[in-house]
N, C-alpha and C. Protein backbone atom coordinates (compact mmCIF):
# COMPACT_ATOMS: atom_id res chain seq x y z
N MET A 1 79.27 108.52 77.01
CA MET A 1 79.19 107.43 78.17
C MET A 1 80.21 107.32 78.48
N ALA A 2 79.90 107.34 79.95
CA ALA A 2 80.80 107.93 81.02
C ALA A 2 81.79 106.25 81.04
N ARG A 3 83.07 106.76 81.24
CA ARG A 3 83.73 105.26 81.54
C ARG A 3 84.09 105.04 82.93
N TYR A 4 83.96 104.00 83.93
CA TYR A 4 84.19 104.05 85.14
C TYR A 4 85.85 104.00 85.31
N LYS A 5 86.67 104.04 86.35
CA LYS A 5 88.03 103.63 86.34
C LYS A 5 87.31 102.63 87.82
N VAL A 6 88.30 101.43 87.99
CA VAL A 6 88.65 100.74 88.96
C VAL A 6 88.11 101.15 90.30
N ASN A 7 88.92 102.30 90.60
CA ASN A 7 89.18 102.42 91.97
C ASN A 7 87.86 103.16 92.30
N GLN A 8 87.22 103.92 91.20
CA GLN A 8 85.58 104.70 90.93
C GLN A 8 84.30 103.19 91.71
N ILE A 9 84.85 101.73 90.99
CA ILE A 9 83.76 101.12 90.80
C ILE A 9 84.03 100.53 92.79
N VAL A 10 85.59 100.32 92.62
CA VAL A 10 85.64 99.97 94.17
C VAL A 10 85.16 100.49 95.44
N ILE A 11 84.92 101.80 95.21
CA ILE A 11 84.56 102.72 96.36
C ILE A 11 82.44 102.40 96.54
N LEU A 12 82.07 102.78 94.72
CA LEU A 12 80.82 102.44 94.59
C LEU A 12 80.33 100.51 95.44
N TRP A 13 81.45 100.15 95.39
CA TRP A 13 80.59 98.86 96.18
C TRP A 13 80.99 99.12 97.40
N LEU A 14 81.83 99.69 97.79
CA LEU A 14 82.79 100.02 99.84
C LEU A 14 81.21 100.48 99.79
N LEU A 15 80.32 101.74 99.21
CA LEU A 15 79.54 102.38 100.03
C LEU A 15 78.04 101.75 99.52
N ILE A 16 77.76 101.03 98.92
CA ILE A 16 76.81 99.69 99.11
C ILE A 16 76.85 98.90 100.00
N PHE A 17 78.05 98.55 100.28
CA PHE A 17 78.56 97.37 101.14
C PHE A 17 77.78 98.67 102.59
N ALA A 18 78.56 99.52 103.03
CA ALA A 18 78.03 100.14 103.90
C ALA A 18 76.68 100.66 104.20
N LEU A 19 75.82 101.02 103.21
CA LEU A 19 74.46 100.96 103.03
C LEU A 19 74.21 99.84 103.55
N PHE A 20 74.15 98.74 102.64
CA PHE A 20 73.36 97.46 103.67
C PHE A 20 73.93 97.40 104.93
N ASN A 21 74.91 97.41 105.58
CA ASN A 21 75.27 97.34 106.86
C ASN A 21 74.25 98.11 107.86
N SER A 22 74.69 99.33 107.08
CA SER A 22 73.56 100.20 108.40
C SER A 22 72.06 100.44 108.21
N VAL A 23 71.92 99.63 106.73
CA VAL A 23 70.22 99.67 106.75
C VAL A 23 70.02 98.00 107.66
N PHE A 24 70.69 97.41 107.61
CA PHE A 24 70.42 95.97 108.23
C PHE A 24 70.64 95.51 109.48
N GLY A 25 71.59 96.52 109.79
CA GLY A 25 71.91 96.67 111.18
C GLY A 25 72.45 96.03 111.81
N GLN A 26 73.68 94.88 110.73
CA GLN A 26 74.12 93.14 111.34
C GLN A 26 75.64 93.07 110.87
N ASP A 27 75.62 92.31 111.43
CA ASP A 27 76.93 92.27 111.21
C ASP A 27 77.01 91.01 110.08
N PHE A 28 78.26 91.67 109.40
CA PHE A 28 78.56 90.79 107.95
C PHE A 28 79.14 89.41 108.29
N ARG A 29 78.97 88.51 107.51
CA ARG A 29 79.90 87.05 107.49
C ARG A 29 80.21 86.46 106.53
N PHE A 30 81.38 86.30 106.10
CA PHE A 30 81.81 85.40 104.83
C PHE A 30 81.35 83.88 105.27
N ALA A 31 81.09 83.14 104.19
CA ALA A 31 80.37 81.89 104.25
C ALA A 31 82.28 81.43 104.65
N ASP A 32 81.31 79.70 105.59
CA ASP A 32 82.44 78.85 105.99
C ASP A 32 82.80 78.43 105.11
N PRO A 33 83.68 78.91 104.87
CA PRO A 33 84.75 77.64 103.79
C PRO A 33 84.54 76.18 104.00
N LYS A 34 84.21 75.66 105.14
CA LYS A 34 84.50 73.85 105.54
C LYS A 34 82.94 73.38 105.36
N THR A 35 81.86 74.41 105.25
CA THR A 35 80.70 74.47 104.61
C THR A 35 80.79 74.66 103.29
N ASP A 36 81.12 75.07 102.60
CA ASP A 36 80.77 76.15 101.23
C ASP A 36 81.64 75.29 100.50
N LYS A 37 81.07 74.26 99.45
CA LYS A 37 82.16 73.59 98.57
C LYS A 37 82.01 73.99 97.26
N TRP A 38 82.89 73.93 97.31
CA TRP A 38 83.76 74.56 95.14
C TRP A 38 82.70 73.52 94.29
N MET A 39 82.47 72.12 94.61
CA MET A 39 81.33 71.82 94.29
C MET A 39 79.87 71.34 94.24
N GLY A 40 79.29 72.60 95.36
CA GLY A 40 78.23 72.14 95.69
C GLY A 40 77.25 72.05 95.06
N ASP A 41 75.84 71.81 95.34
CA ASP A 41 75.18 72.51 94.02
C ASP A 41 74.25 73.81 93.96
N ASP A 42 74.83 74.40 94.66
CA ASP A 42 74.11 75.55 94.57
C ASP A 42 75.37 76.65 93.70
N LYS A 43 76.04 75.44 93.46
CA LYS A 43 77.49 76.69 92.49
C LYS A 43 76.56 76.68 90.98
N MET A 44 75.49 75.31 90.75
CA MET A 44 75.26 75.23 89.68
C MET A 44 74.07 75.90 89.51
N ILE A 45 74.01 76.36 90.17
CA ILE A 45 72.62 77.07 90.74
C ILE A 45 72.74 78.71 89.97
N HIS A 46 74.27 78.57 90.83
CA HIS A 46 74.50 80.25 90.56
C HIS A 46 75.13 80.43 89.02
N ALA A 47 75.78 79.45 88.52
CA ALA A 47 76.28 80.16 87.54
C ALA A 47 75.76 79.61 86.16
N PHE A 48 74.27 78.83 86.46
CA PHE A 48 73.09 78.15 85.33
C PHE A 48 72.22 80.53 85.86
N GLY A 49 71.58 80.72 87.16
CA GLY A 49 71.02 82.15 86.86
C GLY A 49 71.96 82.47 86.64
N SER A 50 73.45 83.07 86.80
CA SER A 50 73.68 84.14 86.35
C SER A 50 73.83 84.29 84.49
N TYR A 51 73.84 82.50 83.87
CA TYR A 51 73.75 82.79 82.55
C TYR A 51 72.50 83.37 81.89
N VAL A 52 71.29 82.81 82.72
CA VAL A 52 70.10 83.44 82.04
C VAL A 52 69.87 84.55 82.52
N LEU A 53 70.60 84.99 83.73
CA LEU A 53 69.79 86.40 83.68
C LEU A 53 70.49 87.62 82.83
N THR A 54 71.84 86.94 82.39
CA THR A 54 72.54 88.20 81.26
C THR A 54 72.35 87.53 79.73
N ASP A 55 71.57 86.72 79.69
CA ASP A 55 70.51 86.37 78.57
C ASP A 55 69.22 87.86 78.81
N ALA A 56 68.62 87.80 79.93
CA ALA A 56 67.12 88.35 80.13
C ALA A 56 67.99 90.11 79.77
N LEU A 57 69.16 90.23 80.17
CA LEU A 57 69.36 91.66 80.44
C LEU A 57 69.53 92.22 79.09
N LYS A 58 70.39 91.10 78.01
CA LYS A 58 71.13 91.46 76.84
C LYS A 58 69.75 92.17 75.95
N ILE A 59 68.34 91.47 76.58
CA ILE A 59 67.10 91.68 75.57
C ILE A 59 66.26 92.79 76.49
N VAL A 60 66.93 93.39 77.55
CA VAL A 60 66.67 94.41 77.65
C VAL A 60 67.22 96.18 77.63
N LYS A 61 68.36 95.88 77.66
CA LYS A 61 69.42 96.87 77.40
C LYS A 61 70.04 96.74 75.93
N LYS A 62 69.87 96.06 74.82
CA LYS A 62 70.63 95.93 73.92
C LYS A 62 71.73 95.74 73.87
N ASP A 63 72.62 96.23 74.77
CA ASP A 63 73.95 95.89 75.30
C ASP A 63 74.99 94.38 76.07
N GLU A 64 75.76 94.03 75.28
CA GLU A 64 76.05 92.30 75.91
C GLU A 64 77.08 93.27 77.25
N LYS A 65 77.92 94.15 77.41
CA LYS A 65 78.42 94.52 78.30
C LYS A 65 77.94 95.08 79.56
N LYS A 66 77.13 95.88 78.71
CA LYS A 66 76.37 96.21 80.11
C LYS A 66 75.44 95.11 81.23
N ALA A 67 74.93 94.69 79.96
CA ALA A 67 73.55 92.73 80.54
C ALA A 67 74.75 92.29 81.64
N ALA A 68 76.17 92.08 81.53
CA ALA A 68 76.80 91.31 81.86
C ALA A 68 77.49 91.87 83.29
N SER A 69 77.64 93.65 83.25
CA SER A 69 78.01 94.15 84.24
C SER A 69 76.29 94.18 85.60
N TYR A 70 75.14 94.54 84.68
CA TYR A 70 74.25 94.60 85.73
C TYR A 70 74.34 92.71 86.34
N ALA A 71 74.04 91.94 85.80
CA ALA A 71 74.26 90.83 86.19
C ALA A 71 75.42 90.18 87.24
N PHE A 72 76.12 90.51 86.68
CA PHE A 72 77.49 91.01 87.90
C PHE A 72 77.21 91.51 89.08
N MET A 73 76.80 92.87 89.04
CA MET A 73 76.48 93.48 90.21
C MET A 73 75.17 93.06 91.34
N LEU A 74 73.95 92.15 90.36
CA LEU A 74 73.17 91.99 91.10
C LEU A 74 73.57 90.48 91.81
N GLY A 75 74.20 89.97 91.24
CA GLY A 75 75.26 89.04 92.18
C GLY A 75 75.80 89.24 93.37
N TYR A 76 76.62 90.38 93.62
CA TYR A 76 77.17 90.54 94.44
C TYR A 76 76.24 91.35 95.19
N LEU A 77 75.19 92.21 94.82
CA LEU A 77 74.13 93.19 95.92
C LEU A 77 73.47 90.94 96.39
N TRP A 78 73.30 90.61 96.08
CA TRP A 78 72.32 89.34 96.30
C TRP A 78 73.12 88.86 97.62
N GLU A 79 74.58 88.45 96.95
CA GLU A 79 75.95 87.38 98.38
C GLU A 79 75.95 88.74 99.34
N ILE A 80 75.88 89.97 99.21
CA ILE A 80 76.13 90.91 100.49
C ILE A 80 74.71 90.59 101.72
N LYS A 81 73.89 90.95 100.78
CA LYS A 81 72.45 90.35 101.41
C LYS A 81 72.73 88.74 101.85
N ASP A 82 73.33 87.47 101.42
CA ASP A 82 74.01 86.57 102.20
C ASP A 82 74.62 86.70 103.51
N GLY A 83 75.65 87.67 103.40
CA GLY A 83 76.65 87.80 104.28
C GLY A 83 75.88 88.83 105.34
N LEU A 84 75.31 89.86 105.20
CA LEU A 84 74.37 90.12 106.16
C LEU A 84 72.98 89.27 106.88
N MET A 85 72.46 88.53 105.93
CA MET A 85 71.75 87.62 106.99
C MET A 85 72.08 86.21 107.24
N TYR A 86 73.73 85.84 107.35
CA TYR A 86 74.35 84.83 107.58
C TYR A 86 73.74 83.74 108.06
N LYS A 87 72.60 83.93 109.37
CA LYS A 87 72.06 82.50 110.20
C LYS A 87 71.42 82.62 109.17
N LYS A 88 70.77 83.01 108.25
CA LYS A 88 69.90 82.31 107.14
C LYS A 88 70.22 81.32 106.01
N TYR A 89 71.00 82.58 105.38
CA TYR A 89 72.05 82.46 104.23
C TYR A 89 72.84 81.85 104.41
N GLY A 90 73.91 81.18 105.08
CA GLY A 90 75.19 80.71 105.47
C GLY A 90 76.35 82.31 105.33
N GLY A 91 76.08 83.49 105.05
CA GLY A 91 77.18 84.25 104.43
C GLY A 91 77.60 84.54 102.88
N PHE A 92 78.55 85.23 103.04
CA PHE A 92 78.58 85.88 102.17
C PHE A 92 79.84 84.54 101.11
N SER A 93 79.55 84.65 99.55
CA SER A 93 80.40 83.08 99.20
C SER A 93 81.04 83.85 98.14
N ILE A 94 82.65 83.60 98.64
CA ILE A 94 83.23 84.04 97.44
C ILE A 94 83.03 82.85 96.12
N LYS A 95 82.80 81.76 96.27
CA LYS A 95 82.45 81.11 95.67
C LYS A 95 81.23 80.60 94.68
N ASP A 96 80.39 81.59 95.75
CA ASP A 96 79.07 81.78 94.64
C ASP A 96 79.55 82.37 93.72
N MET A 97 79.82 83.97 93.56
CA MET A 97 80.99 85.01 93.39
C MET A 97 81.66 84.63 91.82
N ALA A 98 82.05 83.47 92.31
CA ALA A 98 83.02 82.75 91.24
C ALA A 98 82.10 82.15 90.39
N ALA A 99 81.55 81.23 91.11
CA ALA A 99 80.17 80.49 89.58
C ALA A 99 79.47 81.48 89.45
N ASN A 100 78.88 82.12 89.85
CA ASN A 100 77.98 83.88 88.77
C ASN A 100 79.20 84.33 87.69
N THR A 101 80.32 84.86 88.51
CA THR A 101 81.29 85.02 86.63
C THR A 101 81.71 84.40 85.83
N ILE A 102 81.92 82.63 86.45
CA ILE A 102 81.58 81.53 85.38
C ILE A 102 80.36 81.44 84.15
N GLY A 103 79.38 81.65 85.03
CA GLY A 103 78.18 82.10 84.45
C GLY A 103 78.05 82.69 83.08
N ILE A 104 78.19 84.28 83.97
CA ILE A 104 78.22 84.73 83.09
C ILE A 104 79.11 85.21 81.64
N GLY A 105 80.54 84.73 82.17
CA GLY A 105 81.39 84.28 80.94
C GLY A 105 81.07 83.85 79.95
N LEU A 106 80.31 82.40 80.39
CA LEU A 106 79.98 81.01 79.70
C LEU A 106 79.19 81.81 78.51
N ASN A 107 78.18 82.88 79.16
CA ASN A 107 76.86 83.17 78.37
C ASN A 107 77.44 84.28 77.45
N LEU A 108 79.04 85.24 77.53
CA LEU A 108 79.14 85.88 76.84
C LEU A 108 80.05 85.32 75.51
N LEU A 109 80.95 83.84 75.89
CA LEU A 109 81.46 83.46 75.30
C LEU A 109 80.55 82.31 73.66
N ALA A 110 79.50 81.60 74.83
CA ALA A 110 78.34 81.03 73.60
C ALA A 110 78.13 82.09 72.86
N HIS A 111 77.50 83.51 72.89
CA HIS A 111 77.01 84.64 72.32
C HIS A 111 77.60 84.49 70.67
N LYS A 112 79.19 84.93 71.43
CA LYS A 112 80.35 85.23 70.50
C LYS A 112 80.72 84.60 69.77
N ILE A 113 80.89 82.42 70.26
CA ILE A 113 80.79 81.75 69.50
C ILE A 113 79.76 81.56 68.48
N ILE A 114 78.01 81.72 68.37
CA ILE A 114 77.05 81.71 68.35
C ILE A 114 77.25 82.71 66.77
N LYS A 115 77.89 83.85 66.85
CA LYS A 115 77.89 85.18 66.50
C LYS A 115 79.22 85.08 65.42
N GLY A 116 79.56 84.12 65.73
CA GLY A 116 80.98 84.32 64.64
C GLY A 116 80.89 83.41 63.81
N LYS A 117 79.60 82.03 64.43
CA LYS A 117 79.00 81.02 63.18
C LYS A 117 78.28 81.79 62.35
N HIS A 118 77.69 82.63 62.59
CA HIS A 118 76.98 83.23 61.75
C HIS A 118 77.29 84.24 60.76
N ALA A 119 78.36 84.52 61.05
CA ALA A 119 78.89 85.76 60.43
C ALA A 119 79.79 84.83 59.21
N ARG A 120 80.37 83.61 59.47
CA ARG A 120 81.15 82.76 58.36
C ARG A 120 80.00 82.01 57.80
N GLN A 121 78.23 82.24 58.65
CA GLN A 121 78.12 81.61 56.93
C GLN A 121 77.26 82.86 56.32
N ARG A 122 77.36 83.53 57.04
CA ARG A 122 76.81 85.01 55.84
C ARG A 122 78.05 84.98 54.60
N GLU A 123 78.94 85.20 54.93
CA GLU A 123 80.00 85.28 54.19
C GLU A 123 80.69 84.22 53.49
N SER A 124 80.05 82.87 53.30
CA SER A 124 80.03 81.49 52.74
C SER A 124 78.82 81.99 51.60
N THR A 125 77.72 82.35 52.33
CA THR A 125 76.52 82.66 51.65
C THR A 125 76.89 83.68 50.53
N ARG A 126 77.61 84.80 50.57
CA ARG A 126 78.03 86.30 49.78
C ARG A 126 79.05 85.67 48.70
N ARG A 127 79.39 84.56 49.28
CA ARG A 127 80.76 83.89 47.97
C ARG A 127 80.06 83.40 46.73
N GLU A 128 79.40 82.43 47.53
CA GLU A 128 78.52 81.38 46.45
C GLU A 128 77.53 82.24 45.58
N LEU A 129 76.95 83.27 46.09
CA LEU A 129 76.06 83.93 45.14
C LEU A 129 76.80 84.74 43.84
N ARG A 130 78.36 85.14 44.00
CA ARG A 130 79.24 86.00 43.28
C ARG A 130 79.01 85.07 42.12
């Protein structure tokens, strides 16, 4: 399995951005910080959507890290679309990306906690059987 360096990933994202910009031929805009609130309703939707998307991708990919990476990439591409179609969607929101990342992180954390509980339960069951 290939391991990517940070600079290769950055170059990939820049190429994706350039491709979207050339295909749609539109200006790219960031969301207006005055209207893009940290505690907006859509941030909860982004976090929950990323949480569920990560779960769904875990089922398909059978790999936690890949599922989290794909969920992040899809969220990023969605925000690029928002940035290119800013008149309709308000622009690329860094706060939306933060909410996406929080949702993915919560998913990974929750599953790690669940796995830890199951491992402790199995260990205590083994001790009782001895």
